[in-house]
Amino acid sequence: MAKKILCGGGLMERHRLLQGLFNEWSRQWLIPTTGANTMAEITALTELQQMNLDILRLVQSDTAAAEKAIAFVAGSKLNFELFKDQLVLAQGEGTALARAEEAIREAKEALDLFTAGA
């Protein structure tokens, strides 16, 4: 069959032969799609999980800094946006934890602008 693919036949015939070989190979080697070998369905992240993951990434996976930031943000998009903005401005601090603490302090001050008079 390899000789036929390489030497003779038209392009369509070669395509069909190669596709047949691939289909046969895939039936033999692909992982079954049913039964005990199937993988669990991938679940999407909730908005809160995504926000917390973003916080963890922003503080360079420092879990102590992430814990404080997550407690401050508490699922509030406004708090999250203020924290992100202030974290950028706190880059002069030495550690991720110090940057997060400074960002939280500054974000709390900025948050007063949104709650004053409400």
PDB file of N, CA and C in Angstrom:
ATOM      1  N   MET A   1       0.827  -1.187   0.000  1.00  0.00           N
ATOM      2  CA  MET A   1       0.000   0.000   0.000  1.00  0.00           C
ATOM      3  C   MET A   1       0.875   1.256   0.000  1.00  0.00           C
ATOM      4  N   ALA A   2       1.986   1.252   0.721  1.00  0.00           N
ATOM      5  CA  ALA A   2       2.859   2.419   0.758  1.00  0.00           C
ATOM      6  C   ALA A   2       3.379   2.754  -0.628  1.00  0.00           C
ATOM      7  N   LYS A   3       3.689   1.698  -1.429  1.00  0.00           N
ATOM      8  CA  LYS A   3       4.176   1.927  -2.782  1.00  0.00           C
ATOM      9  C   LYS A   3       3.109   2.629  -3.614  1.00  0.00           C
ATOM     10  N   LYS A   4       1.872   2.212  -3.441  1.00  0.00           N
ATOM     11  CA  LYS A   4       0.776   2.811  -4.190  1.00  0.00           C
ATOM     12  C   LYS A   4       0.605   4.286  -3.806  1.00  0.00           C
ATOM     13  N   ILE A   5       0.748   4.582  -2.529  1.00  0.00           N
ATOM     14  CA  ILE A   5       0.600   5.964  -2.068  1.00  0.00           C
ATOM     15  C   ILE A   5       1.704   6.836  -2.654  1.00  0.00           C
ATOM     16  N   LEU A   6       2.928   6.336  -2.661  1.00  0.00           N
ATOM     17  CA  LEU A   6       4.055   7.141  -3.091  1.00  0.00           C
ATOM     18  C   LEU A   6       4.186   7.244  -4.607  1.00  0.00           C
ATOM     19  N   CYS A   7       3.845   6.168  -5.326  1.00  0.00           N
ATOM     20  CA  CYS A   7       4.169   6.134  -6.748  1.00  0.00           C
ATOM     21  C   CYS A   7       2.984   6.314  -7.684  1.00  0.00           C
ATOM     22  N   GLY A   8       1.837   5.858  -7.304  1.00  0.00           N
ATOM     23  CA  GLY A   8       0.753   5.870  -8.278  1.00  0.00           C
ATOM     24  C   GLY A   8      -0.495   6.522  -7.741  1.00  0.00           C
ATOM     25  N   GLY A   9      -1.507   6.563  -8.592  1.00  0.00           N
ATOM     26  CA  GLY A   9      -2.803   7.071  -8.194  1.00  0.00           C
ATOM     27  C   GLY A   9      -2.838   8.583  -8.173  1.00  0.00           C
ATOM     28  N   GLY A  10      -4.055   9.090  -8.196  1.00  0.00           N
ATOM     29  CA  GLY A  10      -4.236  10.533  -8.159  1.00  0.00           C
ATOM     30  C   GLY A  10      -4.177  11.061  -6.734  1.00  0.00           C
ATOM     31  N   LEU A  11      -4.254  12.342  -6.640  1.00  0.00           N
ATOM     32  CA  LEU A  11      -4.188  13.014  -5.344  1.00  0.00           C
ATOM     33  C   LEU A  11      -5.333  12.593  -4.434  1.00  0.00           C
ATOM     34  N   MET A  12      -6.534  12.512  -4.975  1.00  0.00           N
ATOM     35  CA  MET A  12      -7.693  12.123  -4.162  1.00  0.00           C
ATOM     36  C   MET A  12      -7.547  10.699  -3.645  1.00  0.00           C
ATOM     37  N   GLU A  13      -7.026   9.809  -4.490  1.00  0.00           N
ATOM     38  CA  GLU A  13      -6.834   8.424  -4.061  1.00  0.00           C
ATOM     39  C   GLU A  13      -5.813   8.362  -2.926  1.00  0.00           C
ATOM     40  N   ARG A  14      -4.734   9.112  -3.053  1.00  0.00           N
ATOM     41  CA  ARG A  14      -3.729   9.137  -1.983  1.00  0.00           C
ATOM     42  C   ARG A  14      -4.322   9.706  -0.700  1.00  0.00           C
ATOM     43  N   HIS A  15      -5.140  10.732  -0.842  1.00  0.00           N
ATOM     44  CA  HIS A  15      -5.789  11.328   0.330  1.00  0.00           C
ATOM     45  C   HIS A  15      -6.675  10.301   1.031  1.00  0.00           C
ATOM     46  N   ARG A  16      -7.495   9.564   0.259  1.00  0.00           N
ATOM     47  CA  ARG A  16      -8.376   8.550   0.853  1.00  0.00           C
ATOM     48  C   ARG A  16      -7.575   7.453   1.538  1.00  0.00           C
ATOM     49  N   LEU A  17      -6.493   7.021   0.920  1.00  0.00           N
ATOM     50  CA  LEU A  17      -5.673   5.967   1.519  1.00  0.00           C
ATOM     51  C   LEU A  17      -5.043   6.439   2.825  1.00  0.00           C
ATOM     52  N   LEU A  18      -4.503   7.647   2.816  1.00  0.00           N
ATOM     53  CA  LEU A  18      -3.900   8.177   4.042  1.00  0.00           C
ATOM     54  C   LEU A  18      -4.948   8.376   5.131  1.00  0.00           C
ATOM     55  N   GLN A  19      -6.122   8.850   4.742  1.00  0.00           N
ATOM     56  CA  GLN A  19      -7.180   9.039   5.732  1.00  0.00           C
ATOM     57  C   GLN A  19      -7.608   7.698   6.313  1.00  0.00           C
ATOM     58  N   GLY A  20      -7.680   6.673   5.473  1.00  0.00           N
ATOM     59  CA  GLY A  20      -8.020   5.332   5.958  1.00  0.00           C
ATOM     60  C   GLY A  20      -6.981   4.821   6.946  1.00  0.00           C
ATOM     61  N   LEU A  21      -5.703   5.035   6.618  1.00  0.00           N
ATOM     62  CA  LEU A  21      -4.640   4.619   7.539  1.00  0.00           C
ATOM     63  C   LEU A  21      -4.748   5.363   8.863  1.00  0.00           C
ATOM     64  N   PHE A  22      -4.985   6.658   8.793  1.00  0.00           N
ATOM     65  CA  PHE A  22      -5.123   7.445  10.014  1.00  0.00           C
ATOM     66  C   PHE A  22      -6.312   6.975  10.839  1.00  0.00           C
ATOM     67  N   ASN A  23      -7.456   6.756  10.196  1.00  0.00           N
ATOM     68  CA  ASN A  23      -8.642   6.304  10.927  1.00  0.00           C
ATOM     69  C   ASN A  23      -8.393   4.971  11.608  1.00  0.00           C
ATOM     70  N   GLU A  24      -7.715   4.064  10.922  1.00  0.00           N
ATOM     71  CA  GLU A  24      -7.404   2.762  11.514  1.00  0.00           C
ATOM     72  C   GLU A  24      -6.467   2.938  12.706  1.00  0.00           C
ATOM     73  N   TRP A  25      -5.449   3.769  12.539  1.00  0.00           N
ATOM     74  CA  TRP A  25      -4.508   4.012  13.633  1.00  0.00           C
ATOM     75  C   TRP A  25      -5.223   4.636  14.823  1.00  0.00           C
ATOM     76  N   SER A  26      -6.097   5.620  14.568  1.00  0.00           N
ATOM     77  CA  SER A  26      -6.754   6.314  15.672  1.00  0.00           C
ATOM     78  C   SER A  26      -7.685   5.387  16.438  1.00  0.00           C
ATOM     79  N   ARG A  27      -8.336   4.452  15.751  1.00  0.00           N
ATOM     80  CA  ARG A  27      -9.196   3.495  16.461  1.00  0.00           C
ATOM     81  C   ARG A  27      -8.376   2.602  17.384  1.00  0.00           C
ATOM     82  N   GLN A  28      -7.152   2.300  16.992  1.00  0.00           N
ATOM     83  CA  GLN A  28      -6.314   1.414  17.793  1.00  0.00           C
ATOM     84  C   GLN A  28      -5.667   2.125  18.972  1.00  0.00           C
ATOM     85  N   TRP A  29      -5.361   3.414  18.843  1.00  0.00           N
ATOM     86  CA  TRP A  29      -4.527   4.067  19.839  1.00  0.00           C
ATOM     87  C   TRP A  29      -5.192   5.148  20.672  1.00  0.00           C
ATOM     88  N   LEU A  30      -6.306   5.669  20.241  1.00  0.00           N
ATOM     89  CA  LEU A  30      -6.931   6.728  21.021  1.00  0.00           C
ATOM     90  C   LEU A  30      -7.567   6.187  22.283  1.00  0.00           C
ATOM     91  N   ILE A  31      -7.611   7.009  23.316  1.00  0.00           N
ATOM     92  CA  ILE A  31      -8.201   6.632  24.601  1.00  0.00           C
ATOM     93  C   ILE A  31      -9.707   6.514  24.430  1.00  0.00           C
ATOM     94  N   PRO A  32     -10.317   5.487  25.008  1.00  0.00           N
ATOM     95  CA  PRO A  32     -11.770   5.328  24.883  1.00  0.00           C
ATOM     96  C   PRO A  32     -12.505   6.546  25.445  1.00  0.00           C
ATOM     97  N   THR A  33     -13.663   6.836  24.862  1.00  0.00           N
ATOM     98  CA  THR A  33     -14.433   7.994  25.306  1.00  0.00           C
ATOM     99  C   THR A  33     -15.555   7.615  26.254  1.00  0.00           C
ATOM    100  N   THR A  34     -15.679   6.367  26.596  1.00  0.00           N
ATOM    101  CA  THR A  34     -16.692   5.931  27.554  1.00  0.00           C
ATOM    102  C   THR A  34     -16.055   4.962  28.534  1.00  0.00           C
ATOM    103  N   GLY A  35     -16.721   4.755  29.655  1.00  0.00           N
ATOM    104  CA  GLY A  35     -16.239   3.781  30.629  1.00  0.00           C
ATOM    105  C   GLY A  35     -15.351   4.396  31.688  1.00  0.00           C
ATOM    106  N   ALA A  36     -14.594   3.551  32.356  1.00  0.00           N
ATOM    107  CA  ALA A  36     -13.799   3.959  33.514  1.00  0.00           C
ATOM    108  C   ALA A  36     -12.648   4.891  33.147  1.00  0.00           C
ATOM    109  N   ASN A  37     -12.219   4.884  31.897  1.00  0.00           N
ATOM    110  CA  ASN A  37     -11.058   5.690  31.510  1.00  0.00           C
ATOM    111  C   ASN A  37     -11.399   7.122  31.128  1.00  0.00           C
ATOM    112  N   THR A  38     -12.663   7.501  31.151  1.00  0.00           N
ATOM    113  CA  THR A  38     -13.004   8.857  30.742  1.00  0.00           C
ATOM    114  C   THR A  38     -12.647   9.857  31.830  1.00  0.00           C
ATOM    115  N   MET A  39     -12.312  11.061  31.404  1.00  0.00           N
ATOM    116  CA  MET A  39     -11.961  12.123  32.344  1.00  0.00           C
ATOM    117  C   MET A  39     -13.224  12.835  32.804  1.00  0.00           C
ATOM    118  N   ALA A  40     -13.162  13.416  33.978  1.00  0.00           N
ATOM    119  CA  ALA A  40     -14.286  14.190  34.496  1.00  0.00           C
ATOM    120  C   ALA A  40     -14.464  15.439  33.642  1.00  0.00           C
ATOM    121  N   GLU A  41     -15.675  15.913  33.577  1.00  0.00           N
ATOM    122  CA  GLU A  41     -15.952  17.124  32.812  1.00  0.00           C
ATOM    123  C   GLU A  41     -15.289  18.319  33.490  1.00  0.00           C
ATOM    124  N   ILE A  42     -14.726  19.197  32.699  1.00  0.00           N
ATOM    125  CA  ILE A  42     -14.068  20.390  33.231  1.00  0.00           C
ATOM    126  C   ILE A  42     -15.140  21.405  33.602  1.00  0.00           C
ATOM    127  N   THR A  43     -15.059  21.888  34.831  1.00  0.00           N
ATOM    128  CA  THR A  43     -16.033  22.880  35.280  1.00  0.00           C
ATOM    129  C   THR A  43     -15.423  24.273  35.162  1.00  0.00           C
ATOM    130  N   ALA A  44     -16.254  25.224  34.853  1.00  0.00           N
ATOM    131  CA  ALA A  44     -15.797  26.611  34.717  1.00  0.00           C
ATOM    132  C   ALA A  44     -15.560  27.221  36.094  1.00  0.00           C
ATOM    133  N   LEU A  45     -14.689  28.211  36.136  1.00  0.00           N
ATOM    134  CA  LEU A  45     -14.467  28.951  37.375  1.00  0.00           C
ATOM    135  C   LEU A  45     -15.646  29.883  37.620  1.00  0.00           C
ATOM    136  N   THR A  46     -16.007  30.040  38.874  1.00  0.00           N
ATOM    137  CA  THR A  46     -17.003  31.053  39.208  1.00  0.00           C
ATOM    138  C   THR A  46     -16.315  32.416  39.131  1.00  0.00           C
ATOM    139  N   GLU A  47     -17.101  33.476  39.138  1.00  0.00           N
ATOM    140  CA  GLU A  47     -16.508  34.819  39.118  1.00  0.00           C
ATOM    141  C   GLU A  47     -15.645  35.051  40.351  1.00  0.00           C
ATOM    142  N   LEU A  48     -16.103  34.562  41.498  1.00  0.00           N
ATOM    143  CA  LEU A  48     -15.337  34.732  42.733  1.00  0.00           C
ATOM    144  C   LEU A  48     -14.028  33.953  42.672  1.00  0.00           C
ATOM    145  N   GLN A  49     -14.080  32.720  42.172  1.00  0.00           N
ATOM    146  CA  GLN A  49     -12.855  31.937  42.042  1.00  0.00           C
ATOM    147  C   GLN A  49     -11.875  32.626  41.099  1.00  0.00           C
ATOM    148  N   GLN A  50     -12.375  33.160  39.994  1.00  0.00           N
ATOM    149  CA  GLN A  50     -11.504  33.850  39.039  1.00  0.00           C
ATOM    150  C   GLN A  50     -10.883  35.089  39.670  1.00  0.00           C
ATOM    151  N   MET A  51     -11.683  35.819  40.438  1.00  0.00           N
ATOM    152  CA  MET A  51     -11.177  37.019  41.107  1.00  0.00           C
ATOM    153  C   MET A  51     -10.080  36.639  42.106  1.00  0.00           C
ATOM    154  N   ASN A  52     -10.318  35.605  42.889  1.00  0.00           N
ATOM    155  CA  ASN A  52      -9.323  35.170  43.875  1.00  0.00           C
ATOM    156  C   ASN A  52      -8.055  34.654  43.196  1.00  0.00           C
ATOM    157  N   LEU A  53      -8.219  33.960  42.078  1.00  0.00           N
ATOM    158  CA  LEU A  53      -7.055  33.491  41.326  1.00  0.00           C
ATOM    159  C   LEU A  53      -6.261  34.673  40.774  1.00  0.00           C
ATOM    160  N   ASP A  54      -6.959  35.665  40.268  1.00  0.00           N
ATOM    161  CA  ASP A  54      -6.284  36.875  39.777  1.00  0.00           C
ATOM    162  C   ASP A  54      -5.510  37.563  40.897  1.00  0.00           C
ATOM    163  N   ILE A  55      -6.099  37.617  42.077  1.00  0.00           N
ATOM    164  CA  ILE A  55      -5.412  38.226  43.227  1.00  0.00           C
ATOM    165  C   ILE A  55      -4.146  37.446  43.550  1.00  0.00           C
ATOM    166  N   LEU A  56      -4.251  36.132  43.590  1.00  0.00           N
ATOM    167  CA  LEU A  56      -3.077  35.300  43.877  1.00  0.00           C
ATOM    168  C   LEU A  56      -1.971  35.563  42.859  1.00  0.00           C
ATOM    169  N   ARG A  57      -2.339  35.698  41.611  1.00  0.00           N
ATOM    170  CA  ARG A  57      -1.348  35.984  40.570  1.00  0.00           C
ATOM    171  C   ARG A  57      -0.758  37.385  40.726  1.00  0.00           C
ATOM    172  N   LEU A  58      -1.600  38.354  41.069  1.00  0.00           N
ATOM    173  CA  LEU A  58      -1.122  39.736  41.226  1.00  0.00           C
ATOM    174  C   LEU A  58      -0.085  39.865  42.328  1.00  0.00           C
ATOM    175  N   VAL A  59      -0.220  39.058  43.379  1.00  0.00           N
ATOM    176  CA  VAL A  59       0.726  39.128  44.497  1.00  0.00           C
ATOM    177  C   VAL A  59       1.812  38.062  44.361  1.00  0.00           C
ATOM    178  N   GLN A  60       2.021  37.621  43.139  1.00  0.00           N
ATOM    179  CA  GLN A  60       3.109  36.698  42.806  1.00  0.00           C
ATOM    180  C   GLN A  60       3.053  35.414  43.623  1.00  0.00           C
ATOM    181  N   SER A  61       1.848  34.879  43.795  1.00  0.00           N
ATOM    182  CA  SER A  61       1.590  33.617  44.495  1.00  0.00           C
ATOM    183  C   SER A  61       2.014  33.632  45.961  1.00  0.00           C
ATOM    184  N   ASP A  62       2.151  34.800  46.545  1.00  0.00           N
ATOM    185  CA  ASP A  62       2.425  34.907  47.980  1.00  0.00           C
ATOM    186  C   ASP A  62       1.089  34.691  48.697  1.00  0.00           C
ATOM    187  N   THR A  63       0.956  33.555  49.363  1.00  0.00           N
ATOM    188  CA  THR A  63      -0.344  33.196  49.944  1.00  0.00           C
ATOM    189  C   THR A  63      -0.741  34.098  51.104  1.00  0.00           C
ATOM    190  N   ALA A  64       0.226  34.591  51.864  1.00  0.00           N
ATOM    191  CA  ALA A  64      -0.104  35.509  52.962  1.00  0.00           C
ATOM    192  C   ALA A  64      -0.651  36.823  52.399  1.00  0.00           C
ATOM    193  N   ALA A  65      -0.010  37.323  51.353  1.00  0.00           N
ATOM    194  CA  ALA A  65      -0.483  38.553  50.710  1.00  0.00           C
ATOM    195  C   ALA A  65      -1.846  38.320  50.062  1.00  0.00           C
ATOM    196  N   ALA A  66      -2.011  37.176  49.426  1.00  0.00           N
ATOM    197  CA  ALA A  66      -3.287  36.859  48.777  1.00  0.00           C
ATOM    198  C   ALA A  66      -4.403  36.751  49.800  1.00  0.00           C
ATOM    199  N   GLU A  67      -4.113  36.136  50.941  1.00  0.00           N
ATOM    200  CA  GLU A  67      -5.127  35.986  51.985  1.00  0.00           C
ATOM    201  C   GLU A  67      -5.631  37.356  52.457  1.00  0.00           C
ATOM    202  N   LYS A  68      -4.704  38.275  52.690  1.00  0.00           N
ATOM    203  CA  LYS A  68      -5.104  39.624  53.128  1.00  0.00           C
ATOM    204  C   LYS A  68      -5.885  40.351  52.034  1.00  0.00           C
ATOM    205  N   ALA A  69      -5.417  40.239  50.806  1.00  0.00           N
ATOM    206  CA  ALA A  69      -6.090  40.916  49.701  1.00  0.00           C
ATOM    207  C   ALA A  69      -7.481  40.332  49.461  1.00  0.00           C
ATOM    208  N   ILE A  70      -7.603  39.018  49.515  1.00  0.00           N
ATOM    209  CA  ILE A  70      -8.903  38.370  49.310  1.00  0.00           C
ATOM    210  C   ILE A  70      -9.873  38.780  50.409  1.00  0.00           C
ATOM    211  N   ALA A  71      -9.375  38.884  51.640  1.00  0.00           N
ATOM    212  CA  ALA A  71     -10.235  39.324  52.746  1.00  0.00           C
ATOM    213  C   ALA A  71     -10.707  40.759  52.514  1.00  0.00           C
ATOM    214  N   PHE A  72      -9.824  41.622  52.020  1.00  0.00           N
ATOM    215  CA  PHE A  72     -10.221  43.003  51.741  1.00  0.00           C
ATOM    216  C   PHE A  72     -11.221  43.071  50.585  1.00  0.00           C
ATOM    217  N   VAL A  73     -10.918  42.383  49.511  1.00  0.00           N
ATOM    218  CA  VAL A  73     -11.769  42.441  48.318  1.00  0.00           C
ATOM    219  C   VAL A  73     -13.144  41.849  48.608  1.00  0.00           C
ATOM    220  N   ALA A  74     -13.171  40.716  49.285  1.00  0.00           N
ATOM    221  CA  ALA A  74     -14.426  40.082  49.719  1.00  0.00           C
ATOM    222  C   ALA A  74     -15.470  39.983  48.603  1.00  0.00           C
ATOM    223  N   GLY A  75     -15.012  39.679  47.396  1.00  0.00           N
ATOM    224  CA  GLY A  75     -15.938  39.488  46.287  1.00  0.00           C
ATOM    225  C   GLY A  75     -16.481  40.757  45.662  1.00  0.00           C
ATOM    226  N   SER A  76     -16.024  41.918  46.110  1.00  0.00           N
ATOM    227  CA  SER A  76     -16.504  43.195  45.570  1.00  0.00           C
ATOM    228  C   SER A  76     -15.651  43.604  44.370  1.00  0.00           C
ATOM    229  N   LYS A  77     -16.299  43.812  43.240  1.00  0.00           N
ATOM    230  CA  LYS A  77     -15.556  44.231  42.046  1.00  0.00           C
ATOM    231  C   LYS A  77     -14.917  45.604  42.238  1.00  0.00           C
ATOM    232  N   LEU A  78     -15.610  46.487  42.938  1.00  0.00           N
ATOM    233  CA  LEU A  78     -15.040  47.810  43.204  1.00  0.00           C
ATOM    234  C   LEU A  78     -13.771  47.678  44.038  1.00  0.00           C
ATOM    235  N   ASN A  79     -13.844  46.906  45.122  1.00  0.00           N
ATOM    236  CA  ASN A  79     -12.656  46.702  45.961  1.00  0.00           C
ATOM    237  C   ASN A  79     -11.522  46.076  45.150  1.00  0.00           C
ATOM    238  N   PHE A  80     -11.870  45.132  44.285  1.00  0.00           N
ATOM    239  CA  PHE A  80     -10.863  44.462  43.462  1.00  0.00           C
ATOM    240  C   PHE A  80     -10.168  45.458  42.533  1.00  0.00           C
ATOM    241  N   GLU A  81     -10.944  46.300  41.876  1.00  0.00           N
ATOM    242  CA  GLU A  81     -10.360  47.285  40.956  1.00  0.00           C
ATOM    243  C   GLU A  81      -9.486  48.288  41.709  1.00  0.00           C
ATOM    244  N   LEU A  82      -9.959  48.737  42.858  1.00  0.00           N
ATOM    245  CA  LEU A  82      -9.156  49.665  43.663  1.00  0.00           C
ATOM    246  C   LEU A  82      -7.865  49.004  44.131  1.00  0.00           C
ATOM    247  N   PHE A  83      -7.958  47.742  44.558  1.00  0.00           N
ATOM    248  CA  PHE A  83      -6.766  47.015  45.002  1.00  0.00           C
ATOM    249  C   PHE A  83      -5.760  46.897  43.860  1.00  0.00           C
ATOM    250  N   LYS A  84      -6.216  46.517  42.679  1.00  0.00           N
ATOM    251  CA  LYS A  84      -5.307  46.374  41.535  1.00  0.00           C
ATOM    252  C   LYS A  84      -4.597  47.690  41.233  1.00  0.00           C
ATOM    253  N   ASP A  85      -5.363  48.776  41.207  1.00  0.00           N
ATOM    254  CA  ASP A  85      -4.762  50.081  40.915  1.00  0.00           C
ATOM    255  C   ASP A  85      -3.718  50.463  41.954  1.00  0.00           C
ATOM    256  N   GLN A  86      -4.030  50.253  43.212  1.00  0.00           N
ATOM    257  CA  GLN A  86      -3.107  50.635  44.283  1.00  0.00           C
ATOM    258  C   GLN A  86      -1.899  49.705  44.350  1.00  0.00           C
ATOM    259  N   LEU A  87      -2.080  48.459  43.958  1.00  0.00           N
ATOM    260  CA  LEU A  87      -0.954  47.519  43.965  1.00  0.00           C
ATOM    261  C   LEU A  87       0.119  47.969  42.975  1.00  0.00           C
ATOM    262  N   VAL A  88      -0.295  48.481  41.848  1.00  0.00           N
ATOM    263  CA  VAL A  88       0.660  49.000  40.863  1.00  0.00           C
ATOM    264  C   VAL A  88       1.461  50.153  41.459  1.00  0.00           C
ATOM    265  N   LEU A  89       0.792  50.998  42.224  1.00  0.00           N
ATOM    266  CA  LEU A  89       1.464  52.159  42.819  1.00  0.00           C
ATOM    267  C   LEU A  89       2.346  51.789  44.005  1.00  0.00           C
ATOM    268  N   ALA A  90       2.155  50.596  44.567  1.00  0.00           N
ATOM    269  CA  ALA A  90       2.914  50.175  45.751  1.00  0.00           C
ATOM    270  C   ALA A  90       4.151  49.355  45.390  1.00  0.00           C
ATOM    271  N   GLN A  91       4.632  49.468  44.174  1.00  0.00           N
ATOM    272  CA  GLN A  91       5.765  48.648  43.737  1.00  0.00           C
ATOM    273  C   GLN A  91       7.066  48.980  44.460  1.00  0.00           C
ATOM    274  N   GLY A  92       7.116  50.091  45.149  1.00  0.00           N
ATOM    275  CA  GLY A  92       8.321  50.456  45.894  1.00  0.00           C
ATOM    276  C   GLY A  92       8.514  49.630  47.155  1.00  0.00           C
ATOM    277  N   GLU A  93       7.467  48.965  47.608  1.00  0.00           N
ATOM    278  CA  GLU A  93       7.567  48.128  48.812  1.00  0.00           C
ATOM    279  C   GLU A  93       8.416  46.895  48.505  1.00  0.00           C
ATOM    280  N   GLY A  94       9.087  46.381  49.538  1.00  0.00           N
ATOM    281  CA  GLY A  94      10.062  45.314  49.332  1.00  0.00           C
ATOM    282  C   GLY A  94       9.509  43.931  49.041  1.00  0.00           C
ATOM    283  N   THR A  95       8.404  43.572  49.645  1.00  0.00           N
ATOM    284  CA  THR A  95       7.883  42.211  49.476  1.00  0.00           C
ATOM    285  C   THR A  95       6.454  42.260  48.946  1.00  0.00           C
ATOM    286  N   ALA A  96       6.001  41.126  48.468  1.00  0.00           N
ATOM    287  CA  ALA A  96       4.621  41.036  47.976  1.00  0.00           C
ATOM    288  C   ALA A  96       3.632  41.324  49.100  1.00  0.00           C
ATOM    289  N   LEU A  97       3.934  40.846  50.302  1.00  0.00           N
ATOM    290  CA  LEU A  97       3.051  41.091  51.442  1.00  0.00           C
ATOM    291  C   LEU A  97       3.000  42.584  51.775  1.00  0.00           C
ATOM    292  N   ALA A  98       4.148  43.234  51.794  1.00  0.00           N
ATOM    293  CA  ALA A  98       4.185  44.677  52.078  1.00  0.00           C
ATOM    294  C   ALA A  98       3.453  45.465  50.993  1.00  0.00           C
ATOM    295  N   ARG A  99       3.618  45.058  49.726  1.00  0.00           N
ATOM    296  CA  ARG A  99       2.901  45.727  48.627  1.00  0.00           C
ATOM    297  C   ARG A  99       1.400  45.556  48.786  1.00  0.00           C
ATOM    298  N   ALA A 100       0.972  44.345  49.132  1.00  0.00           N
ATOM    299  CA  ALA A 100      -0.463  44.084  49.303  1.00  0.00           C
ATOM    300  C   ALA A 100      -1.025  44.901  50.458  1.00  0.00           C
ATOM    301  N   GLU A 101      -0.301  44.950  51.574  1.00  0.00           N
ATOM    302  CA  GLU A 101      -0.778  45.717  52.733  1.00  0.00           C
ATOM    303  C   GLU A 101      -0.886  47.201  52.399  1.00  0.00           C
ATOM    304  N   GLU A 102       0.106  47.732  51.699  1.00  0.00           N
ATOM    305  CA  GLU A 102       0.069  49.141  51.289  1.00  0.00           C
ATOM    306  C   GLU A 102      -1.085  49.378  50.317  1.00  0.00           C
ATOM    307  N   ALA A 103      -1.266  48.475  49.381  1.00  0.00           N
ATOM    308  CA  ALA A 103      -2.357  48.615  48.411  1.00  0.00           C
ATOM    309  C   ALA A 103      -3.711  48.578  49.108  1.00  0.00           C
ATOM    310  N   ILE A 104      -3.850  47.731  50.112  1.00  0.00           N
ATOM    311  CA  ILE A 104      -5.113  47.645  50.860  1.00  0.00           C
ATOM    312  C   ILE A 104      -5.367  48.952  51.612  1.00  0.00           C
ATOM    313  N   ARG A 105      -4.333  49.488  52.279  1.00  0.00           N
ATOM    314  CA  ARG A 105      -4.482  50.762  52.996  1.00  0.00           C
ATOM    315  C   ARG A 105      -4.938  51.872  52.045  1.00  0.00           C
ATOM    316  N   GLU A 106      -4.264  51.973  50.924  1.00  0.00           N
ATOM    317  CA  GLU A 106      -4.592  53.028  49.957  1.00  0.00           C
ATOM    318  C   GLU A 106      -5.965  52.796  49.323  1.00  0.00           C
ATOM    319  N   ALA A 107      -6.301  51.553  49.068  1.00  0.00           N
ATOM    320  CA  ALA A 107      -7.608  51.241  48.473  1.00  0.00           C
ATOM    321  C   ALA A 107      -8.734  51.564  49.447  1.00  0.00           C
ATOM    322  N   LYS A 108      -8.491  51.337  50.748  1.00  0.00           N
ATOM    323  CA  LYS A 108      -9.509  51.690  51.750  1.00  0.00           C
ATOM    324  C   LYS A 108      -9.750  53.193  51.761  1.00  0.00           C
ATOM    325  N   GLU A 109      -8.679  53.960  51.634  1.00  0.00           N
ATOM    326  CA  GLU A 109      -8.833  55.415  51.571  1.00  0.00           C
ATOM    327  C   GLU A 109      -9.621  55.816  50.326  1.00  0.00           C
ATOM    328  N   ALA A 110      -9.301  55.211  49.211  1.00  0.00           N
ATOM    329  CA  ALA A 110     -10.012  55.522  47.965  1.00  0.00           C
ATOM    330  C   ALA A 110     -11.459  55.060  48.030  1.00  0.00           C
ATOM    331  N   LEU A 111     -11.708  53.979  48.734  1.00  0.00           N
ATOM    332  CA  LEU A 111     -13.068  53.449  48.860  1.00  0.00           C
ATOM    333  C   LEU A 111     -13.987  54.445  49.551  1.00  0.00           C
ATOM    334  N   ASP A 112     -13.423  55.256  50.441  1.00  0.00           N
ATOM    335  CA  ASP A 112     -14.219  56.284  51.121  1.00  0.00           C
ATOM    336  C   ASP A 112     -14.849  57.254  50.121  1.00  0.00           C
ATOM    337  N   LEU A 113     -14.205  57.462  48.990  1.00  0.00           N
ATOM    338  CA  LEU A 113     -14.756  58.351  47.964  1.00  0.00           C
ATOM    339  C   LEU A 113     -16.071  57.809  47.399  1.00  0.00           C
ATOM    340  N   PHE A 114     -16.225  56.496  47.428  1.00  0.00           N
ATOM    341  CA  PHE A 114     -17.409  55.868  46.851  1.00  0.00           C
ATOM    342  C   PHE A 114     -18.526  55.678  47.869  1.00  0.00           C
ATOM    343  N   THR A 115     -18.179  55.710  49.152  1.00  0.00           N
ATOM    344  CA  THR A 115     -19.191  55.479  50.185  1.00  0.00           C
ATOM    345  C   THR A 115     -19.605  56.755  50.902  1.00  0.00           C
ATOM    346  N   ALA A 116     -18.819  57.819  50.780  1.00  0.00           N
ATOM    347  CA  ALA A 116     -19.172  59.090  51.433  1.00  0.00           C
ATOM    348  C   ALA A 116     -20.416  59.663  50.763  1.00  0.00           C
ATOM    349  N   GLY A 117     -21.419  59.976  51.568  1.00  0.00           N
ATOM    350  CA  GLY A 117     -22.643  60.548  51.035  1.00  0.00           C
ATOM    351  C   GLY A 117     -23.635  59.524  50.537  1.00  0.00           C
ATOM    352  N   ALA A 118     -23.304  58.254  50.623  1.00  0.00           N
ATOM    353  CA  ALA A 118     -24.233  57.220  50.138  1.00  0.00           C
ATOM    354  C   ALA A 118     -25.211  56.817  51.216  1.00  0.00           C
TER     355      ALA A 118
END
